Amino acid sequence: LSWIRRRLRAIILHQWKTTKKLNRVLRRTGWKEKV
């Protein structure tokens, strides 16, 4: 199950293409550092 979730995360990251959306999502969760 953990491996399957990881594969789904890989799809989502690939669809986001750049870290711009990733960082935007992280900021909403309270993440402080830029990735």
All heavy atoms as atom14 arrays in JSON, in Angstrom:
{
  "sequence": "LSWIRRRLRAIILHQWKTTKKLNRVLRRTGWKEKV",
  "atom14_mask": [
    [1, 1, 1, 1, 1, 1, 1, 1, 0, 0, 0, 0, 0, 0],
    [1, 1, 1, 1, 1, 1, 0, 0, 0, 0, 0, 0, 0, 0],
    [1, 1, 1, 1, 1, 1, 1, 1, 1, 1, 1, 1, 1, 1],
    [1, 1, 1, 1, 1, 1, 1, 1, 0, 0, 0, 0, 0, 0],
    [1, 1, 1, 1, 1, 1, 1, 1, 1, 1, 1, 0, 0, 0],
    [1, 1, 1, 1, 1, 1, 1, 1, 1, 1, 1, 0, 0, 0],
    [1, 1, 1, 1, 1, 1, 1, 1, 1, 1, 1, 0, 0, 0],
    [1, 1, 1, 1, 1, 1, 1, 1, 0, 0, 0, 0, 0, 0],
    [1, 1, 1, 1, 1, 1, 1, 1, 1, 1, 1, 0, 0, 0],
    [1, 1, 1, 1, 1, 0, 0, 0, 0, 0, 0, 0, 0, 0],
    [1, 1, 1, 1, 1, 1, 1, 1, 0, 0, 0, 0, 0, 0],
    [1, 1, 1, 1, 1, 1, 1, 1, 0, 0, 0, 0, 0, 0],
    [1, 1, 1, 1, 1, 1, 1, 1, 0, 0, 0, 0, 0, 0],
    [1, 1, 1, 1, 1, 1, 1, 1, 1, 1, 0, 0, 0, 0],
    [1, 1, 1, 1, 1, 1, 1, 1, 1, 0, 0, 0, 0, 0],
    [1, 1, 1, 1, 1, 1, 1, 1, 1, 1, 1, 1, 1, 1],
    [1, 1, 1, 1, 1, 1, 1, 1, 1, 0, 0, 0, 0, 0],
    [1, 1, 1, 1, 1, 1, 1, 0, 0, 0, 0, 0, 0, 0],
    [1, 1, 1, 1, 1, 1, 1, 0, 0, 0, 0, 0, 0, 0],
    [1, 1, 1, 1, 1, 1, 1, 1, 1, 0, 0, 0, 0, 0],
    [1, 1, 1, 1, 1, 1, 1, 1, 1, 0, 0, 0, 0, 0],
    [1, 1, 1, 1, 1, 1, 1, 1, 0, 0, 0, 0, 0, 0],
    [1, 1, 1, 1, 1, 1, 1, 1, 0, 0, 0, 0, 0, 0],
    [1, 1, 1, 1, 1, 1, 1, 1, 1, 1, 1, 0, 0, 0],
    [1, 1, 1, 1, 1, 1, 1, 0, 0, 0, 0, 0, 0, 0],
    [1, 1, 1, 1, 1, 1, 1, 1, 0, 0, 0, 0, 0, 0],
    [1, 1, 1, 1, 1, 1, 1, 1, 1, 1, 1, 0, 0, 0],
    [1, 1, 1, 1, 1, 1, 1, 1, 1, 1, 1, 0, 0, 0],
    [1, 1, 1, 1, 1, 1, 1, 0, 0, 0, 0, 0, 0, 0],
    [1, 1, 1, 1, 0, 0, 0, 0, 0, 0, 0, 0, 0, 0],
    [1, 1, 1, 1, 1, 1, 1, 1, 1, 1, 1, 1, 1, 1],
    [1, 1, 1, 1, 1, 1, 1, 1, 1, 0, 0, 0, 0, 0],
    [1, 1, 1, 1, 1, 1, 1, 1, 1, 0, 0, 0, 0, 0],
    [1, 1, 1, 1, 1, 1, 1, 1, 1, 0, 0, 0, 0, 0],
    [1, 1, 1, 1, 1, 1, 1, 0, 0, 0, 0, 0, 0, 0]
  ],
  "atom14_positions": [
    [[0.82, -1.2, 0.0], [0.0, 0.0, 0.0], [0.86, 1.26, 0.0], [0.58, 2.23, -0.72], [-0.94, 0.0, 1.21], [-1.93, 1.16, 1.31], [-2.85, 1.19, 0.09], [-2.76, 1.04, 2.59], [0.0, 0.0, 0.0], [0.0, 0.0, 0.0], [0.0, 0.0, 0.0], [0.0, 0.0, 0.0], [0.0, 0.0, 0.0], [0.0, 0.0, 0.0]],
    [[1.93, 1.23, 0.78], [2.86, 2.37, 0.83], [3.5, 2.6, -0.54], [3.63, 3.73, -1.0], [3.93, 2.12, 1.89], [4.86, 3.16, 1.92], [0.0, 0.0, 0.0], [0.0, 0.0, 0.0], [0.0, 0.0, 0.0], [0.0, 0.0, 0.0], [0.0, 0.0, 0.0], [0.0, 0.0, 0.0], [0.0, 0.0, 0.0], [0.0, 0.0, 0.0]],
    [[3.88, 1.51, -1.2], [4.49, 1.59, -2.53], [3.5, 2.14, -3.57], [3.86, 2.96, -4.42], [4.97, 0.19, -2.93], [5.45, 0.07, -4.34], [6.6, 0.57, -4.88], [4.78, -0.63, -5.41], [6.69, 0.24, -6.2], [5.6, -0.51, -6.55], [3.6, -1.35, -5.49], [5.25, -1.08, -7.78], [3.24, -1.92, -6.71], [4.06, -1.77, -7.83]],
    [[2.25, 1.73, -3.48], [1.21, 2.21, -4.4], [0.98, 3.71, -4.2], [0.87, 4.47, -5.16], [-0.09, 1.41, -4.2], [0.11, -0.02, -4.72], [-1.26, 2.08, -4.94], [-0.94, -0.99, -4.24], [0.0, 0.0, 0.0], [0.0, 0.0, 0.0], [0.0, 0.0, 0.0], [0.0, 0.0, 0.0], [0.0, 0.0, 0.0], [0.0, 0.0, 0.0]],
    [[0.9, 4.13, -2.96], [0.75, 5.57, -2.68], [1.93, 6.35, -3.26], [1.75, 7.44, -3.82], [0.67, 5.8, -1.17], [-0.62, 5.34, -0.51], [-0.64, 5.86, 0.9], [-1.71, 5.3, 1.73], [-1.5, 4.55, 2.8], [-0.27, 4.25, 3.19], [-2.54, 4.09, 3.48], [0.0, 0.0, 0.0], [0.0, 0.0, 0.0], [0.0, 0.0, 0.0]],
    [[3.12, 5.81, -3.14], [4.3, 6.48, -3.68], [4.2, 6.62, -5.19], [4.53, 7.68, -5.75], [5.58, 5.74, -3.3], [6.84, 6.45, -3.78], [8.11, 5.73, -3.37], [9.27, 6.41, -3.93], [10.53, 5.99, -3.83], [10.78, 4.87, -3.14], [11.52, 6.67, -4.39], [0.0, 0.0, 0.0], [0.0, 0.0, 0.0], [0.0, 0.0, 0.0]],
    [[3.73, 5.59, -5.87], [3.58, 5.65, -7.32], [2.54, 6.71, -7.7], [2.7, 7.42, -8.7], [3.19, 4.28, -7.87], [4.31, 3.26, -7.78], [4.03, 2.02, -8.62], [3.97, 2.32, -10.04], [5.02, 2.4, -10.84], [6.22, 2.22, -10.37], [4.87, 2.67, -12.13], [0.0, 0.0, 0.0], [0.0, 0.0, 0.0], [0.0, 0.0, 0.0]],
    [[1.49, 6.83, -6.92], [0.48, 7.85, -7.19], [1.04, 9.25, -6.95], [0.74, 10.2, -7.69], [-0.76, 7.61, -6.34], [-1.56, 6.33, -6.68], [-2.64, 6.08, -5.63], [-2.19, 6.42, -8.07], [0.0, 0.0, 0.0], [0.0, 0.0, 0.0], [0.0, 0.0, 0.0], [0.0, 0.0, 0.0], [0.0, 0.0, 0.0], [0.0, 0.0, 0.0]],
    [[1.87, 9.39, -5.91], [2.53, 10.68, -5.66], [3.44, 11.05, -6.83], [3.51, 12.22, -7.23], [3.35, 10.61, -4.37], [2.52, 10.65, -3.1], [3.39, 10.82, -1.85], [2.55, 10.75, -0.65], [2.4, 9.67, 0.09], [3.05, 8.53, -0.24], [1.6, 9.68, 1.14], [0.0, 0.0, 0.0], [0.0, 0.0, 0.0], [0.0, 0.0, 0.0]],
    [[4.13, 10.06, -7.39], [5.01, 10.31, -8.53], [4.22, 10.83, -9.73], [4.69, 11.72, -10.46], [5.76, 9.03, -8.9], [0.0, 0.0, 0.0], [0.0, 0.0, 0.0], [0.0, 0.0, 0.0], [0.0, 0.0, 0.0], [0.0, 0.0, 0.0], [0.0, 0.0, 0.0], [0.0, 0.0, 0.0], [0.0, 0.0, 0.0], [0.0, 0.0, 0.0]],
    [[3.02, 10.3, -9.94], [2.16, 10.77, -11.03], [1.77, 12.23, -10.81], [1.83, 13.05, -11.72], [0.89, 9.89, -11.14], [1.26, 8.46, -11.57], [-0.1, 10.5, -12.14], [0.1, 7.48, -11.48], [0.0, 0.0, 0.0], [0.0, 0.0, 0.0], [0.0, 0.0, 0.0], [0.0, 0.0, 0.0], [0.0, 0.0, 0.0], [0.0, 0.0, 0.0]],
    [[1.36, 12.54, -9.58], [0.94, 13.91, -9.25], [2.09, 14.89, -9.44], [1.91, 15.96, -10.05], [0.38, 13.97, -7.81], [-0.9, 13.14, -7.7], [0.12, 15.42, -7.39], [-1.38, 12.93, -6.28], [0.0, 0.0, 0.0], [0.0, 0.0, 0.0], [0.0, 0.0, 0.0], [0.0, 0.0, 0.0], [0.0, 0.0, 0.0], [0.0, 0.0, 0.0]],
    [[3.28, 14.55, -8.95], [4.44, 15.43, -9.11], [4.75, 15.65, -10.58], [5.08, 16.76, -11.01], [5.65, 14.85, -8.38], [5.59, 14.8, -6.85], [6.85, 14.15, -6.28], [5.41, 16.19, -6.25], [0.0, 0.0, 0.0], [0.0, 0.0, 0.0], [0.0, 0.0, 0.0], [0.0, 0.0, 0.0], [0.0, 0.0, 0.0], [0.0, 0.0, 0.0]],
    [[4.68, 14.57, -11.36], [4.94, 14.67, -12.79], [3.92, 15.58, -13.47], [4.28, 16.36, -14.37], [4.9, 13.28, -13.41], [5.4, 13.22, -14.82], [4.58, 13.42, -15.91], [6.65, 13.03, -15.32], [5.3, 13.32, -17.02], [6.55, 13.07, -16.7], [0.0, 0.0, 0.0], [0.0, 0.0, 0.0], [0.0, 0.0, 0.0], [0.0, 0.0, 0.0]],
    [[2.66, 15.51, -13.04], [1.62, 16.35, -13.62], [1.79, 17.82, -13.21], [1.43, 18.72, -13.96], [0.25, 15.82, -13.21], [-0.13, 14.51, -13.88], [-1.47, 13.96, -13.42], [-2.08, 14.47, -12.48], [-1.95, 12.91, -14.08], [0.0, 0.0, 0.0], [0.0, 0.0, 0.0], [0.0, 0.0, 0.0], [0.0, 0.0, 0.0], [0.0, 0.0, 0.0]],
    [[2.32, 18.05, -12.01], [2.59, 19.43, -11.58], [3.74, 20.05, -12.36], [3.85, 21.26, -12.44], [2.9, 19.46, -10.08], [1.67, 19.26, -9.21], [0.37, 19.18, -9.63], [1.64, 19.08, -7.79], [-0.46, 18.99, -8.57], [0.29, 18.93, -7.42], [2.62, 19.04, -6.79], [-0.1, 18.74, -6.09], [2.23, 18.85, -5.47], [0.88, 18.7, -5.13]],
    [[4.64, 19.26, -12.86], [5.75, 19.64, -13.73], [6.86, 20.44, -13.03], [8.03, 20.11, -13.12], [5.26, 20.43, -14.95], [4.37, 19.58, -15.87], [3.92, 20.36, -17.08], [3.03, 19.49, -17.97], [2.55, 20.23, -19.14], [0.0, 0.0, 0.0], [0.0, 0.0, 0.0], [0.0, 0.0, 0.0], [0.0, 0.0, 0.0], [0.0, 0.0, 0.0]],
    [[6.51, 21.53, -12.37], [7.51, 22.34, -11.68], [7.21, 22.39, -10.19], [6.12, 21.99, -9.75], [7.54, 23.78, -12.22], [6.33, 24.46, -11.87], [7.7, 23.78, -13.75], [0.0, 0.0, 0.0], [0.0, 0.0, 0.0], [0.0, 0.0, 0.0], [0.0, 0.0, 0.0], [0.0, 0.0, 0.0], [0.0, 0.0, 0.0], [0.0, 0.0, 0.0]],
    [[8.17, 22.9, -9.44], [7.99, 22.99, -7.98], [7.09, 24.14, -7.57], [6.78, 24.28, -6.39], [9.36, 23.14, -7.29], [10.03, 24.3, -7.82], [10.22, 21.9, -7.49], [0.0, 0.0, 0.0], [0.0, 0.0, 0.0], [0.0, 0.0, 0.0], [0.0, 0.0, 0.0], [0.0, 0.0, 0.0], [0.0, 0.0, 0.0], [0.0, 0.0, 0.0]],
    [[6.68, 24.94, -8.54], [5.85, 26.11, -8.21], [4.57, 25.69, -7.49], [4.23, 26.22, -6.43], [5.53, 26.9, -9.48], [4.79, 28.21, -9.21], [4.58, 28.96, -10.53], [3.83, 30.28, -10.26], [3.62, 31.04, -11.53], [0.0, 0.0, 0.0], [0.0, 0.0, 0.0], [0.0, 0.0, 0.0], [0.0, 0.0, 0.0], [0.0, 0.0, 0.0]],
    [[3.85, 24.71, -8.07], [2.6, 24.27, -7.45], [2.88, 23.51, -6.15], [2.15, 23.65, -5.17], [1.79, 23.39, -8.39], [0.43, 23.02, -7.81], [-0.48, 22.38, -8.82], [-1.84, 22.07, -8.19], [-2.78, 21.48, -9.17], [0.0, 0.0, 0.0], [0.0, 0.0, 0.0], [0.0, 0.0, 0.0], [0.0, 0.0, 0.0], [0.0, 0.0, 0.0]],
    [[3.94, 22.72, -6.14], [4.32, 21.98, -4.94], [4.53, 22.94, -3.77], [4.01, 22.72, -2.68], [5.58, 21.16, -5.2], [6.21, 20.47, -3.97], [5.25, 19.44, -3.37], [7.54, 19.81, -4.34], [0.0, 0.0, 0.0], [0.0, 0.0, 0.0], [0.0, 0.0, 0.0], [0.0, 0.0, 0.0], [0.0, 0.0, 0.0], [0.0, 0.0, 0.0]],
    [[5.29, 24.0, -4.02], [5.56, 24.97, -2.95], [4.29, 25.7, -2.5], [4.13, 26.01, -1.31], [6.63, 25.96, -3.39], [8.04, 25.37, -3.29], [8.49, 24.99, -2.22], [8.73, 25.28, -4.42], [0.0, 0.0, 0.0], [0.0, 0.0, 0.0], [0.0, 0.0, 0.0], [0.0, 0.0, 0.0], [0.0, 0.0, 0.0], [0.0, 0.0, 0.0]],
    [[3.42, 25.94, -3.45], [2.16, 26.61, -3.12], [1.32, 25.72, -2.18], [0.75, 26.18, -1.19], [1.38, 26.93, -4.39], [0.18, 27.85, -4.15], [-0.34, 28.48, -5.43], [-0.81, 27.5, -6.39], [-0.26, 27.32, -7.59], [0.81, 28.05, -7.96], [-0.74, 26.41, -8.41], [0.0, 0.0, 0.0], [0.0, 0.0, 0.0], [0.0, 0.0, 0.0]],
    [[1.25, 24.42, -2.5], [0.52, 23.47, -1.66], [1.17, 23.36, -0.28], [0.49, 23.32, 0.75], [0.46, 22.09, -2.34], [-0.12, 21.04, -1.39], [-0.35, 22.14, -3.63], [0.0, 0.0, 0.0], [0.0, 0.0, 0.0], [0.0, 0.0, 0.0], [0.0, 0.0, 0.0], [0.0, 0.0, 0.0], [0.0, 0.0, 0.0], [0.0, 0.0, 0.0]],
    [[2.51, 23.32, -0.27], [3.23, 23.2, 1.0], [2.99, 24.41, 1.91], [2.84, 24.26, 3.13], [4.73, 23.03, 0.73], [5.16, 21.65, 0.21], [6.62, 21.67, -0.23], [4.95, 20.56, 1.27], [0.0, 0.0, 0.0], [0.0, 0.0, 0.0], [0.0, 0.0, 0.0], [0.0, 0.0, 0.0], [0.0, 0.0, 0.0], [0.0, 0.0, 0.0]],
    [[2.95, 25.59, 1.3], [2.72, 26.79, 2.1], [1.35, 26.75, 2.79], [1.21, 27.17, 3.94], [2.83, 28.04, 1.22], [4.26, 28.46, 0.91], [4.34, 29.89, 0.39], [3.57, 30.08, -0.83], [4.05, 29.86, -2.06], [5.32, 29.43, -2.23], [3.29, 30.07, -3.12], [0.0, 0.0, 0.0], [0.0, 0.0, 0.0], [0.0, 0.0, 0.0]],
    [[0.36, 26.2, 2.08], [-0.99, 26.1, 2.65], [-1.02, 25.15, 3.85], [-1.88, 25.26, 4.72], [-1.99, 25.63, 1.6], [-2.34, 26.7, 0.57], [-3.67, 26.41, -0.11], [-3.67, 25.16, -0.84], [-3.43, 25.07, -2.16], [-3.17, 26.17, -2.87], [-3.45, 23.91, -2.75], [0.0, 0.0, 0.0], [0.0, 0.0, 0.0], [0.0, 0.0, 0.0]],
    [[-0.09, 24.21, 3.89], [-0.04, 23.24, 4.99], [0.83, 23.71, 6.15], [0.94, 23.02, 7.16], [0.47, 21.88, 4.5], [1.82, 22.02, 4.02], [-0.41, 21.33, 3.39], [0.0, 0.0, 0.0], [0.0, 0.0, 0.0], [0.0, 0.0, 0.0], [0.0, 0.0, 0.0], [0.0, 0.0, 0.0], [0.0, 0.0, 0.0], [0.0, 0.0, 0.0]],
    [[1.47, 24.87, 5.98], [2.32, 25.4, 7.04], [3.79, 25.1, 6.86], [4.61, 25.41, 7.74], [0.0, 0.0, 0.0], [0.0, 0.0, 0.0], [0.0, 0.0, 0.0], [0.0, 0.0, 0.0], [0.0, 0.0, 0.0], [0.0, 0.0, 0.0], [0.0, 0.0, 0.0], [0.0, 0.0, 0.0], [0.0, 0.0, 0.0], [0.0, 0.0, 0.0]],
    [[4.15, 24.54, 5.71], [5.56, 24.25, 5.41], [6.3, 25.58, 5.21], [5.83, 26.44, 4.47], [5.62, 23.39, 4.15], [6.99, 22.91, 3.77], [7.94, 23.6, 3.08], [7.57, 21.63, 4.02], [9.06, 22.85, 2.89], [8.87, 21.61, 3.46], [7.13, 20.49, 4.66], [9.71, 20.52, 3.52], [7.98, 19.38, 4.72], [9.24, 19.4, 4.16]],
    [[7.47, 25.74, 5.84], [8.17, 27.02, 5.84], [9.21, 27.15, 4.72], [9.37, 28.22, 4.13], [8.86, 27.23, 7.19], [7.93, 27.18, 8.4], [6.92, 28.3, 8.39], [6.06, 28.28, 9.66], [5.01, 29.33, 9.61], [0.0, 0.0, 0.0], [0.0, 0.0, 0.0], [0.0, 0.0, 0.0], [0.0, 0.0, 0.0], [0.0, 0.0, 0.0]],
    [[9.93, 26.08, 4.43], [11.06, 26.15, 3.51], [10.63, 26.0, 2.05], [9.66, 25.29, 1.75], [12.07, 25.06, 3.84], [12.63, 25.14, 5.26], [13.5, 23.93, 5.59], [13.74, 23.11, 4.68], [13.92, 23.8, 6.75], [0.0, 0.0, 0.0], [0.0, 0.0, 0.0], [0.0, 0.0, 0.0], [0.0, 0.0, 0.0], [0.0, 0.0, 0.0]],
    [[11.33, 26.65, 1.15], [11.11, 26.49, -0.27], [11.81, 25.21, -0.74], [12.94, 24.94, -0.38], [11.65, 27.69, -1.04], [11.28, 27.68, -2.53], [11.74, 28.96, -3.21], [11.34, 28.92, -4.69], [11.75, 30.14, -5.41], [0.0, 0.0, 0.0], [0.0, 0.0, 0.0], [0.0, 0.0, 0.0], [0.0, 0.0, 0.0], [0.0, 0.0, 0.0]],
    [[11.11, 24.44, -1.57], [11.62, 23.13, -2.01], [12.08, 23.22, -3.46], [11.37, 23.75, -4.32], [10.54, 22.05, -1.86], [11.03, 20.72, -2.45], [10.17, 21.87, -0.4], [0.0, 0.0, 0.0], [0.0, 0.0, 0.0], [0.0, 0.0, 0.0], [0.0, 0.0, 0.0], [0.0, 0.0, 0.0], [0.0, 0.0, 0.0], [0.0, 0.0, 0.0]]
  ]
}
